[in-house]
Amino acid sequence: DQIYRWRQDLDTLGHADSMKKFMSKGMKYLFGHSALYNTTLKFAPIANSLPRFLTYNGLNEWGKGRELPRFGESFTSLWKKGKVQKAKK
């Protein structure tokens, strides 16, 4: 709780990470538009087949020393195929 409050104060002090602020605004927009969100989820597995130089390059600081997890099949897709079983009571 304390760390959360400190991070909220970083912006008012002028020390907030501008890239994190940009990403937060983008996520807020994406989550606020369900059609765009669902389309994004549908096409996310394409990232599994991107060449490494597109994912790991000088523009992607986050990628240094990390590997992206492979995108799996979405819950919605599994549900439509009948692969999701209802929980037993």
PDB file of N, CA and C in Angstrom:
ATOM      1  N   ASP A   1       0.830  -1.187   0.000  1.00  0.00           N
ATOM      2  CA  ASP A   1       0.000   0.000   0.000  1.00  0.00           C
ATOM      3  C   ASP A   1       0.879   1.257   0.000  1.00  0.00           C
ATOM      4  N   GLN A   2       1.922   1.237   0.803  1.00  0.00           N
ATOM      5  CA  GLN A   2       2.812   2.395   0.891  1.00  0.00           C
ATOM      6  C   GLN A   2       3.520   2.644  -0.446  1.00  0.00           C
ATOM      7  N   ILE A   3       4.014   1.582  -1.074  1.00  0.00           N
ATOM      8  CA  ILE A   3       4.709   1.728  -2.357  1.00  0.00           C
ATOM      9  C   ILE A   3       3.761   2.298  -3.405  1.00  0.00           C
ATOM     10  N   TYR A   4       2.519   1.836  -3.406  1.00  0.00           N
ATOM     11  CA  TYR A   4       1.527   2.354  -4.349  1.00  0.00           C
ATOM     12  C   TYR A   4       1.363   3.862  -4.165  1.00  0.00           C
ATOM     13  N   ARG A   5       1.241   4.302  -2.912  1.00  0.00           N
ATOM     14  CA  ARG A   5       1.072   5.737  -2.648  1.00  0.00           C
ATOM     15  C   ARG A   5       2.298   6.533  -3.080  1.00  0.00           C
ATOM     16  N   TRP A   6       3.485   5.993  -2.850  1.00  0.00           N
ATOM     17  CA  TRP A   6       4.711   6.673  -3.286  1.00  0.00           C
ATOM     18  C   TRP A   6       4.730   6.819  -4.800  1.00  0.00           C
ATOM     19  N   ARG A   7       4.343   5.765  -5.491  1.00  0.00           N
ATOM     20  CA  ARG A   7       4.358   5.818  -6.955  1.00  0.00           C
ATOM     21  C   ARG A   7       3.362   6.844  -7.486  1.00  0.00           C
ATOM     22  N   GLN A   8       2.256   7.028  -6.791  1.00  0.00           N
ATOM     23  CA  GLN A   8       1.286   8.036  -7.210  1.00  0.00           C
ATOM     24  C   GLN A   8       1.877   9.434  -7.056  1.00  0.00           C
ATOM     25  N   ASP A   9       2.728   9.616  -6.067  1.00  0.00           N
ATOM     26  CA  ASP A   9       3.354  10.916  -5.825  1.00  0.00           C
ATOM     27  C   ASP A   9       4.466  11.221  -6.822  1.00  0.00           C
ATOM     28  N   LEU A  10       5.036  10.218  -7.460  1.00  0.00           N
ATOM     29  CA  LEU A  10       6.138  10.437  -8.397  1.00  0.00           C
ATOM     30  C   LEU A  10       5.744  11.382  -9.528  1.00  0.00           C
ATOM     31  N   ASP A  11       4.517  11.274 -10.000  1.00  0.00           N
ATOM     32  CA  ASP A  11       4.071  12.123 -11.098  1.00  0.00           C
ATOM     33  C   ASP A  11       4.017  13.581 -10.664  1.00  0.00           C
ATOM     34  N   THR A  12       3.474  13.837  -9.496  1.00  0.00           N
ATOM     35  CA  THR A  12       3.387  15.220  -9.023  1.00  0.00           C
ATOM     36  C   THR A  12       4.768  15.808  -8.758  1.00  0.00           C
ATOM     37  N   LEU A  13       5.732  14.963  -8.442  1.00  0.00           N
ATOM     38  CA  LEU A  13       7.100  15.422  -8.195  1.00  0.00           C
ATOM     39  C   LEU A  13       7.923  15.509  -9.479  1.00  0.00           C
ATOM     40  N   GLY A  14       7.346  15.046 -10.600  1.00  0.00           N
ATOM     41  CA  GLY A  14       8.044  15.099 -11.877  1.00  0.00           C
ATOM     42  C   GLY A  14       9.036  13.971 -12.087  1.00  0.00           C
ATOM     43  N   HIS A  15       8.894  12.872 -11.338  1.00  0.00           N
ATOM     44  CA  HIS A  15       9.826  11.749 -11.447  1.00  0.00           C
ATOM     45  C   HIS A  15       9.195  10.492 -12.037  1.00  0.00           C
ATOM     46  N   ALA A  16       7.968  10.596 -12.527  1.00  0.00           N
ATOM     47  CA  ALA A  16       7.298   9.412 -13.076  1.00  0.00           C
ATOM     48  C   ALA A  16       7.942   9.022 -14.403  1.00  0.00           C
ATOM     49  N   ASP A  17       7.997   7.736 -14.667  1.00  0.00           N
ATOM     50  CA  ASP A  17       8.562   7.212 -15.914  1.00  0.00           C
ATOM     51  C   ASP A  17       7.592   7.517 -17.057  1.00  0.00           C
ATOM     52  N   SER A  18       8.031   8.302 -18.027  1.00  0.00           N
ATOM     53  CA  SER A  18       7.144   8.720 -19.115  1.00  0.00           C
ATOM     54  C   SER A  18       6.673   7.539 -19.961  1.00  0.00           C
ATOM     55  N   MET A  19       7.520   6.524 -20.147  1.00  0.00           N
ATOM     56  CA  MET A  19       7.120   5.355 -20.932  1.00  0.00           C
ATOM     57  C   MET A  19       6.027   4.576 -20.200  1.00  0.00           C
ATOM     58  N   LYS A  20       6.149   4.449 -18.879  1.00  0.00           N
ATOM     59  CA  LYS A  20       5.113   3.745 -18.115  1.00  0.00           C
ATOM     60  C   LYS A  20       3.797   4.511 -18.172  1.00  0.00           C
ATOM     61  N   LYS A  21       3.863   5.832 -18.123  1.00  0.00           N
ATOM     62  CA  LYS A  21       2.651   6.642 -18.223  1.00  0.00           C
ATOM     63  C   LYS A  21       1.998   6.444 -19.593  1.00  0.00           C
ATOM     64  N   PHE A  22       2.815   6.424 -20.646  1.00  0.00           N
ATOM     65  CA  PHE A  22       2.313   6.216 -22.004  1.00  0.00           C
ATOM     66  C   PHE A  22       1.649   4.847 -22.125  1.00  0.00           C
ATOM     67  N   MET A  23       2.311   3.815 -21.599  1.00  0.00           N
ATOM     68  CA  MET A  23       1.765   2.458 -21.662  1.00  0.00           C
ATOM     69  C   MET A  23       0.466   2.358 -20.861  1.00  0.00           C
ATOM     70  N   SER A  24       0.403   3.017 -19.714  1.00  0.00           N
ATOM     71  CA  SER A  24      -0.814   2.991 -18.896  1.00  0.00           C
ATOM     72  C   SER A  24      -1.984   3.626 -19.637  1.00  0.00           C
ATOM     73  N   LYS A  25      -1.724   4.732 -20.317  1.00  0.00           N
ATOM     74  CA  LYS A  25      -2.787   5.376 -21.090  1.00  0.00           C
ATOM     75  C   LYS A  25      -3.249   4.468 -22.226  1.00  0.00           C
ATOM     76  N   GLY A  26      -2.293   3.792 -22.869  1.00  0.00           N
ATOM     77  CA  GLY A  26      -2.643   2.868 -23.944  1.00  0.00           C
ATOM     78  C   GLY A  26      -3.482   1.702 -23.445  1.00  0.00           C
ATOM     79  N   MET A  27      -3.104   1.154 -22.286  1.00  0.00           N
ATOM     80  CA  MET A  27      -3.877   0.036 -21.719  1.00  0.00           C
ATOM     81  C   MET A  27      -5.268   0.498 -21.311  1.00  0.00           C
ATOM     82  N   LYS A  28      -5.367   1.699 -20.748  1.00  0.00           N
ATOM     83  CA  LYS A  28      -6.676   2.227 -20.362  1.00  0.00           C
ATOM     84  C   LYS A  28      -7.579   2.345 -21.594  1.00  0.00           C
ATOM     85  N   TYR A  29      -7.011   2.832 -22.695  1.00  0.00           N
ATOM     86  CA  TYR A  29      -7.776   2.954 -23.934  1.00  0.00           C
ATOM     87  C   TYR A  29      -8.203   1.575 -24.443  1.00  0.00           C
ATOM     88  N   LEU A  30      -7.257   0.643 -24.484  1.00  0.00           N
ATOM     89  CA  LEU A  30      -7.537  -0.706 -24.981  1.00  0.00           C
ATOM     90  C   LEU A  30      -8.619  -1.389 -24.150  1.00  0.00           C
ATOM     91  N   PHE A  31      -8.497  -1.324 -22.823  1.00  0.00           N
ATOM     92  CA  PHE A  31      -9.468  -1.981 -21.954  1.00  0.00           C
ATOM     93  C   PHE A  31     -10.828  -1.291 -21.991  1.00  0.00           C
ATOM     94  N   GLY A  32     -10.860  -0.040 -22.410  1.00  0.00           N
ATOM     95  CA  GLY A  32     -12.119   0.694 -22.499  1.00  0.00           C
ATOM     96  C   GLY A  32     -12.860   0.479 -23.810  1.00  0.00           C
ATOM     97  N   HIS A  33     -12.261  -0.244 -24.743  1.00  0.00           N
ATOM     98  CA  HIS A  33     -12.873  -0.506 -26.049  1.00  0.00           C
ATOM     99  C   HIS A  33     -12.871  -2.017 -26.288  1.00  0.00           C
ATOM    100  N   SER A  34     -13.966  -2.653 -25.913  1.00  0.00           N
ATOM    101  CA  SER A  34     -14.013  -4.120 -25.910  1.00  0.00           C
ATOM    102  C   SER A  34     -13.781  -4.742 -27.290  1.00  0.00           C
ATOM    103  N   ALA A  35     -14.268  -4.127 -28.351  1.00  0.00           N
ATOM    104  CA  ALA A  35     -14.060  -4.703 -29.689  1.00  0.00           C
ATOM    105  C   ALA A  35     -12.575  -4.694 -30.046  1.00  0.00           C
ATOM    106  N   LEU A  36     -11.905  -3.604 -29.741  1.00  0.00           N
ATOM    107  CA  LEU A  36     -10.468  -3.510 -30.002  1.00  0.00           C
ATOM    108  C   LEU A  36      -9.698  -4.506 -29.141  1.00  0.00           C
ATOM    109  N   TYR A  37     -10.108  -4.627 -27.876  1.00  0.00           N
ATOM    110  CA  TYR A  37      -9.466  -5.570 -26.953  1.00  0.00           C
ATOM    111  C   TYR A  37      -9.607  -7.009 -27.465  1.00  0.00           C
ATOM    112  N   ASN A  38     -10.814  -7.381 -27.859  1.00  0.00           N
ATOM    113  CA  ASN A  38     -11.056  -8.747 -28.345  1.00  0.00           C
ATOM    114  C   ASN A  38     -10.299  -9.029 -29.642  1.00  0.00           C
ATOM    115  N   THR A  39     -10.224  -8.041 -30.526  1.00  0.00           N
ATOM    116  CA  THR A  39      -9.464  -8.207 -31.768  1.00  0.00           C
ATOM    117  C   THR A  39      -7.984  -8.388 -31.463  1.00  0.00           C
ATOM    118  N   THR A  40      -7.481  -7.599 -30.528  1.00  0.00           N
ATOM    119  CA  THR A  40      -6.077  -7.709 -30.126  1.00  0.00           C
ATOM    120  C   THR A  40      -5.780  -9.095 -29.581  1.00  0.00           C
ATOM    121  N   LEU A  41      -6.659  -9.617 -28.739  1.00  0.00           N
ATOM    122  CA  LEU A  41      -6.461 -10.965 -28.196  1.00  0.00           C
ATOM    123  C   LEU A  41      -6.477 -12.020 -29.298  1.00  0.00           C
ATOM    124  N   LYS A  42      -7.347 -11.815 -30.275  1.00  0.00           N
ATOM    125  CA  LYS A  42      -7.459 -12.786 -31.365  1.00  0.00           C
ATOM    126  C   LYS A  42      -6.158 -12.884 -32.164  1.00  0.00           C
ATOM    127  N   PHE A  43      -5.510 -11.745 -32.370  1.00  0.00           N
ATOM    128  CA  PHE A  43      -4.299 -11.720 -33.192  1.00  0.00           C
ATOM    129  C   PHE A  43      -3.002 -11.791 -32.387  1.00  0.00           C
ATOM    130  N   ALA A  44      -3.075 -11.823 -31.073  1.00  0.00           N
ATOM    131  CA  ALA A  44      -1.869 -11.869 -30.234  1.00  0.00           C
ATOM    132  C   ALA A  44      -0.952 -13.049 -30.548  1.00  0.00           C
ATOM    133  N   PRO A  45      -1.468 -14.249 -30.843  1.00  0.00           N
ATOM    134  CA  PRO A  45      -0.565 -15.373 -31.139  1.00  0.00           C
ATOM    135  C   PRO A  45       0.349 -15.155 -32.342  1.00  0.00           C
ATOM    136  N   ILE A  46       0.047 -14.176 -33.189  1.00  0.00           N
ATOM    137  CA  ILE A  46       0.939 -13.869 -34.314  1.00  0.00           C
ATOM    138  C   ILE A  46       2.325 -13.501 -33.791  1.00  0.00           C
ATOM    139  N   ALA A  47       2.375 -12.913 -32.606  1.00  0.00           N
ATOM    140  CA  ALA A  47       3.663 -12.525 -32.010  1.00  0.00           C
ATOM    141  C   ALA A  47       4.576 -13.731 -31.807  1.00  0.00           C
ATOM    142  N   ASN A  48       4.002 -14.927 -31.694  1.00  0.00           N
ATOM    143  CA  ASN A  48       4.822 -16.133 -31.520  1.00  0.00           C
ATOM    144  C   ASN A  48       5.715 -16.400 -32.729  1.00  0.00           C
ATOM    145  N   SER A  49       5.301 -15.937 -33.896  1.00  0.00           N
ATOM    146  CA  SER A  49       6.065 -16.247 -35.107  1.00  0.00           C
ATOM    147  C   SER A  49       6.857 -15.058 -35.654  1.00  0.00           C
ATOM    148  N   LEU A  50       6.919 -13.962 -34.908  1.00  0.00           N
ATOM    149  CA  LEU A  50       7.709 -12.813 -35.355  1.00  0.00           C
ATOM    150  C   LEU A  50       9.197 -13.134 -35.309  1.00  0.00           C
ATOM    151  N   PRO A  51       9.954 -12.639 -36.270  1.00  0.00           N
ATOM    152  CA  PRO A  51      11.410 -12.831 -36.209  1.00  0.00           C
ATOM    153  C   PRO A  51      11.982 -12.148 -34.962  1.00  0.00           C
ATOM    154  N   ARG A  52      13.026 -12.737 -34.402  1.00  0.00           N
ATOM    155  CA  ARG A  52      13.615 -12.207 -33.164  1.00  0.00           C
ATOM    156  C   ARG A  52      14.033 -10.746 -33.279  1.00  0.00           C
ATOM    157  N   PHE A  53      14.538 -10.333 -34.436  1.00  0.00           N
ATOM    158  CA  PHE A  53      15.030  -8.958 -34.552  1.00  0.00           C
ATOM    159  C   PHE A  53      13.909  -7.924 -34.426  1.00  0.00           C
ATOM    160  N   LEU A  54      12.663  -8.330 -34.669  1.00  0.00           N
ATOM    161  CA  LEU A  54      11.543  -7.412 -34.483  1.00  0.00           C
ATOM    162  C   LEU A  54      11.157  -7.278 -33.010  1.00  0.00           C
ATOM    163  N   THR A  55      11.349  -8.342 -32.266  1.00  0.00           N
ATOM    164  CA  THR A  55      10.977  -8.329 -30.857  1.00  0.00           C
ATOM    165  C   THR A  55      12.107  -7.831 -29.970  1.00  0.00           C
ATOM    166  N   TYR A  56      13.315  -8.251 -30.264  1.00  0.00           N
ATOM    167  CA  TYR A  56      14.467  -7.901 -29.431  1.00  0.00           C
ATOM    168  C   TYR A  56      15.410  -7.017 -30.235  1.00  0.00           C
ATOM    169  N   ASN A  57      15.313  -5.723 -30.010  1.00  0.00           N
ATOM    170  CA  ASN A  57      16.180  -4.776 -30.702  1.00  0.00           C
ATOM    171  C   ASN A  57      16.459  -3.591 -29.784  1.00  0.00           C
ATOM    172  N   GLY A  58      17.182  -2.627 -30.271  1.00  0.00           N
ATOM    173  CA  GLY A  58      17.555  -1.476 -29.458  1.00  0.00           C
ATOM    174  C   GLY A  58      16.387  -0.624 -29.000  1.00  0.00           C
ATOM    175  N   LEU A  59      15.255  -0.727 -29.684  1.00  0.00           N
ATOM    176  CA  LEU A  59      14.079   0.046 -29.290  1.00  0.00           C
ATOM    177  C   LEU A  59      13.322  -0.593 -28.134  1.00  0.00           C
ATOM    178  N   ASN A  60      13.638  -1.841 -27.838  1.00  0.00           N
ATOM    179  CA  ASN A  60      12.921  -2.574 -26.797  1.00  0.00           C
ATOM    180  C   ASN A  60      13.844  -2.826 -25.608  1.00  0.00           C
ATOM    181  N   GLU A  61      13.948  -1.843 -24.732  1.00  0.00           N
ATOM    182  CA  GLU A  61      14.784  -1.986 -23.540  1.00  0.00           C
ATOM    183  C   GLU A  61      14.298  -3.139 -22.665  1.00  0.00           C
ATOM    184  N   TRP A  62      12.985  -3.336 -22.614  1.00  0.00           N
ATOM    185  CA  TRP A  62      12.415  -4.375 -21.768  1.00  0.00           C
ATOM    186  C   TRP A  62      12.923  -5.747 -22.182  1.00  0.00           C
ATOM    187  N   GLY A  63      13.155  -5.942 -23.460  1.00  0.00           N
ATOM    188  CA  GLY A  63      13.533  -7.254 -23.969  1.00  0.00           C
ATOM    189  C   GLY A  63      14.934  -7.706 -23.603  1.00  0.00           C
ATOM    190  N   LYS A  64      15.765  -6.797 -23.130  1.00  0.00           N
ATOM    191  CA  LYS A  64      17.131  -7.186 -22.772  1.00  0.00           C
ATOM    192  C   LYS A  64      17.109  -8.150 -21.591  1.00  0.00           C
ATOM    193  N   GLY A  65      17.643  -9.341 -21.804  1.00  0.00           N
ATOM    194  CA  GLY A  65      17.708 -10.329 -20.728  1.00  0.00           C
ATOM    195  C   GLY A  65      16.400 -11.021 -20.431  1.00  0.00           C
ATOM    196  N   ARG A  66      15.404 -10.852 -21.291  1.00  0.00           N
ATOM    197  CA  ARG A  66      14.105 -11.490 -21.065  1.00  0.00           C
ATOM    198  C   ARG A  66      13.689 -12.248 -22.318  1.00  0.00           C
ATOM    199  N   GLU A  67      12.821 -13.200 -22.118  1.00  0.00           N
ATOM    200  CA  GLU A  67      12.190 -13.919 -23.223  1.00  0.00           C
ATOM    201  C   GLU A  67      10.684 -13.750 -23.087  1.00  0.00           C
ATOM    202  N   LEU A  68      10.034 -13.444 -24.179  1.00  0.00           N
ATOM    203  CA  LEU A  68       8.580 -13.341 -24.147  1.00  0.00           C
ATOM    204  C   LEU A  68       7.959 -14.722 -23.998  1.00  0.00           C
ATOM    205  N   PRO A  69       6.919 -14.844 -23.188  1.00  0.00           N
ATOM    206  CA  PRO A  69       6.212 -16.129 -23.138  1.00  0.00           C
ATOM    207  C   PRO A  69       5.419 -16.309 -24.432  1.00  0.00           C
ATOM    208  N   ARG A  70       5.188 -17.548 -24.805  1.00  0.00           N
ATOM    209  CA  ARG A  70       4.384 -17.816 -25.995  1.00  0.00           C
ATOM    210  C   ARG A  70       2.918 -17.581 -25.650  1.00  0.00           C
ATOM    211  N   PHE A  71       2.210 -16.955 -26.575  1.00  0.00           N
ATOM    212  CA  PHE A  71       0.787 -16.734 -26.375  1.00  0.00           C
ATOM    213  C   PHE A  71       0.055 -18.046 -26.591  1.00  0.00           C
ATOM    214  N   GLY A  72      -0.788 -18.390 -25.660  1.00  0.00           N
ATOM    215  CA  GLY A  72      -1.587 -19.599 -25.776  1.00  0.00           C
ATOM    216  C   GLY A  72      -2.929 -19.289 -26.409  1.00  0.00           C
ATOM    217  N   GLU A  73      -3.766 -20.284 -26.450  1.00  0.00           N
ATOM    218  CA  GLU A  73      -5.102 -20.104 -26.997  1.00  0.00           C
ATOM    219  C   GLU A  73      -5.955 -19.385 -25.960  1.00  0.00           C
ATOM    220  N   SER A  74      -6.806 -18.492 -26.403  1.00  0.00           N
ATOM    221  CA  SER A  74      -7.617 -17.705 -25.477  1.00  0.00           C
ATOM    222  C   SER A  74      -8.718 -18.559 -24.843  1.00  0.00           C
ATOM    223  N   PHE A  75      -9.181 -18.121 -23.697  1.00  0.00           N
ATOM    224  CA  PHE A  75     -10.269 -18.806 -23.008  1.00  0.00           C
ATOM    225  C   PHE A  75     -11.508 -18.849 -23.902  1.00  0.00           C
ATOM    226  N   THR A  76     -11.802 -17.731 -24.562  1.00  0.00           N
ATOM    227  CA  THR A  76     -12.982 -17.669 -25.432  1.00  0.00           C
ATOM    228  C   THR A  76     -12.899 -18.700 -26.546  1.00  0.00           C
ATOM    229  N   SER A  77     -11.723 -18.822 -27.147  1.00  0.00           N
ATOM    230  CA  SER A  77     -11.534 -19.802 -28.220  1.00  0.00           C
ATOM    231  C   SER A  77     -11.712 -21.225 -27.697  1.00  0.00           C
ATOM    232  N   LEU A  78     -11.134 -21.506 -26.543  1.00  0.00           N
ATOM    233  CA  LEU A  78     -11.286 -22.836 -25.941  1.00  0.00           C
ATOM    234  C   LEU A  78     -12.750 -23.123 -25.615  1.00  0.00           C
ATOM    235  N   TRP A  79     -13.456 -22.113 -25.105  1.00  0.00           N
ATOM    236  CA  TRP A  79     -14.870 -22.263 -24.743  1.00  0.00           C
ATOM    237  C   TRP A  79     -15.701 -22.598 -25.984  1.00  0.00           C
ATOM    238  N   LYS A  80     -15.455 -21.874 -27.078  1.00  0.00           N
ATOM    239  CA  LYS A  80     -16.216 -22.104 -28.306  1.00  0.00           C
ATOM    240  C   LYS A  80     -15.969 -23.493 -28.879  1.00  0.00           C
ATOM    241  N   LYS A  81     -14.787 -24.046 -28.653  1.00  0.00           N
ATOM    242  CA  LYS A  81     -14.458 -25.389 -29.137  1.00  0.00           C
ATOM    243  C   LYS A  81     -14.945 -26.474 -28.181  1.00  0.00           C
ATOM    244  N   GLY A  82     -15.531 -26.079 -27.059  1.00  0.00           N
ATOM    245  CA  GLY A  82     -16.037 -27.045 -26.091  1.00  0.00           C
ATOM    246  C   GLY A  82     -14.961 -27.697 -25.249  1.00  0.00           C
ATOM    247  N   LYS A  83     -13.795 -27.057 -25.151  1.00  0.00           N
ATOM    248  CA  LYS A  83     -12.687 -27.629 -24.388  1.00  0.00           C
ATOM    249  C   LYS A  83     -12.677 -27.185 -22.926  1.00  0.00           C
ATOM    250  N   VAL A  84     -13.608 -26.313 -22.556  1.00  0.00           N
ATOM    251  CA  VAL A  84     -13.692 -25.846 -21.170  1.00  0.00           C
ATOM    252  C   VAL A  84     -14.825 -26.595 -20.492  1.00  0.00           C
ATOM    253  N   GLN A  85     -14.504 -27.229 -19.394  1.00  0.00           N
ATOM    254  CA  GLN A  85     -15.514 -27.982 -18.665  1.00  0.00           C
ATOM    255  C   GLN A  85     -16.015 -27.149 -17.496  1.00  0.00           C
ATOM    256  N   LYS A  86     -17.295 -27.257 -17.236  1.00  0.00           N
ATOM    257  CA  LYS A  86     -17.878 -26.536 -16.105  1.00  0.00           C
ATOM    258  C   LYS A  86     -17.375 -27.139 -14.809  1.00  0.00           C
ATOM    259  N   ALA A  87     -17.186 -26.283 -13.826  1.00  0.00           N
ATOM    260  CA  ALA A  87     -16.716 -26.741 -12.517  1.00  0.00           C
ATOM    261  C   ALA A  87     -17.792 -27.590 -11.854  1.00  0.00           C
ATOM    262  N   LYS A  88     -17.350 -28.648 -11.198  1.00  0.00           N
ATOM    263  CA  LYS A  88     -18.287 -29.511 -10.480  1.00  0.00           C
ATOM    264  C   LYS A  88     -18.512 -28.944  -9.094  1.00  0.00           C
ATOM    265  N   LYS A  89     -19.743 -29.041  -8.627  1.00  0.00           N
ATOM    266  CA  LYS A  89     -20.088 -28.502  -7.300  1.00  0.00           C
ATOM    267  C   LYS A  89     -19.895 -29.527  -6.227  1.00  0.00           C
TER     268      LYS A  89
END
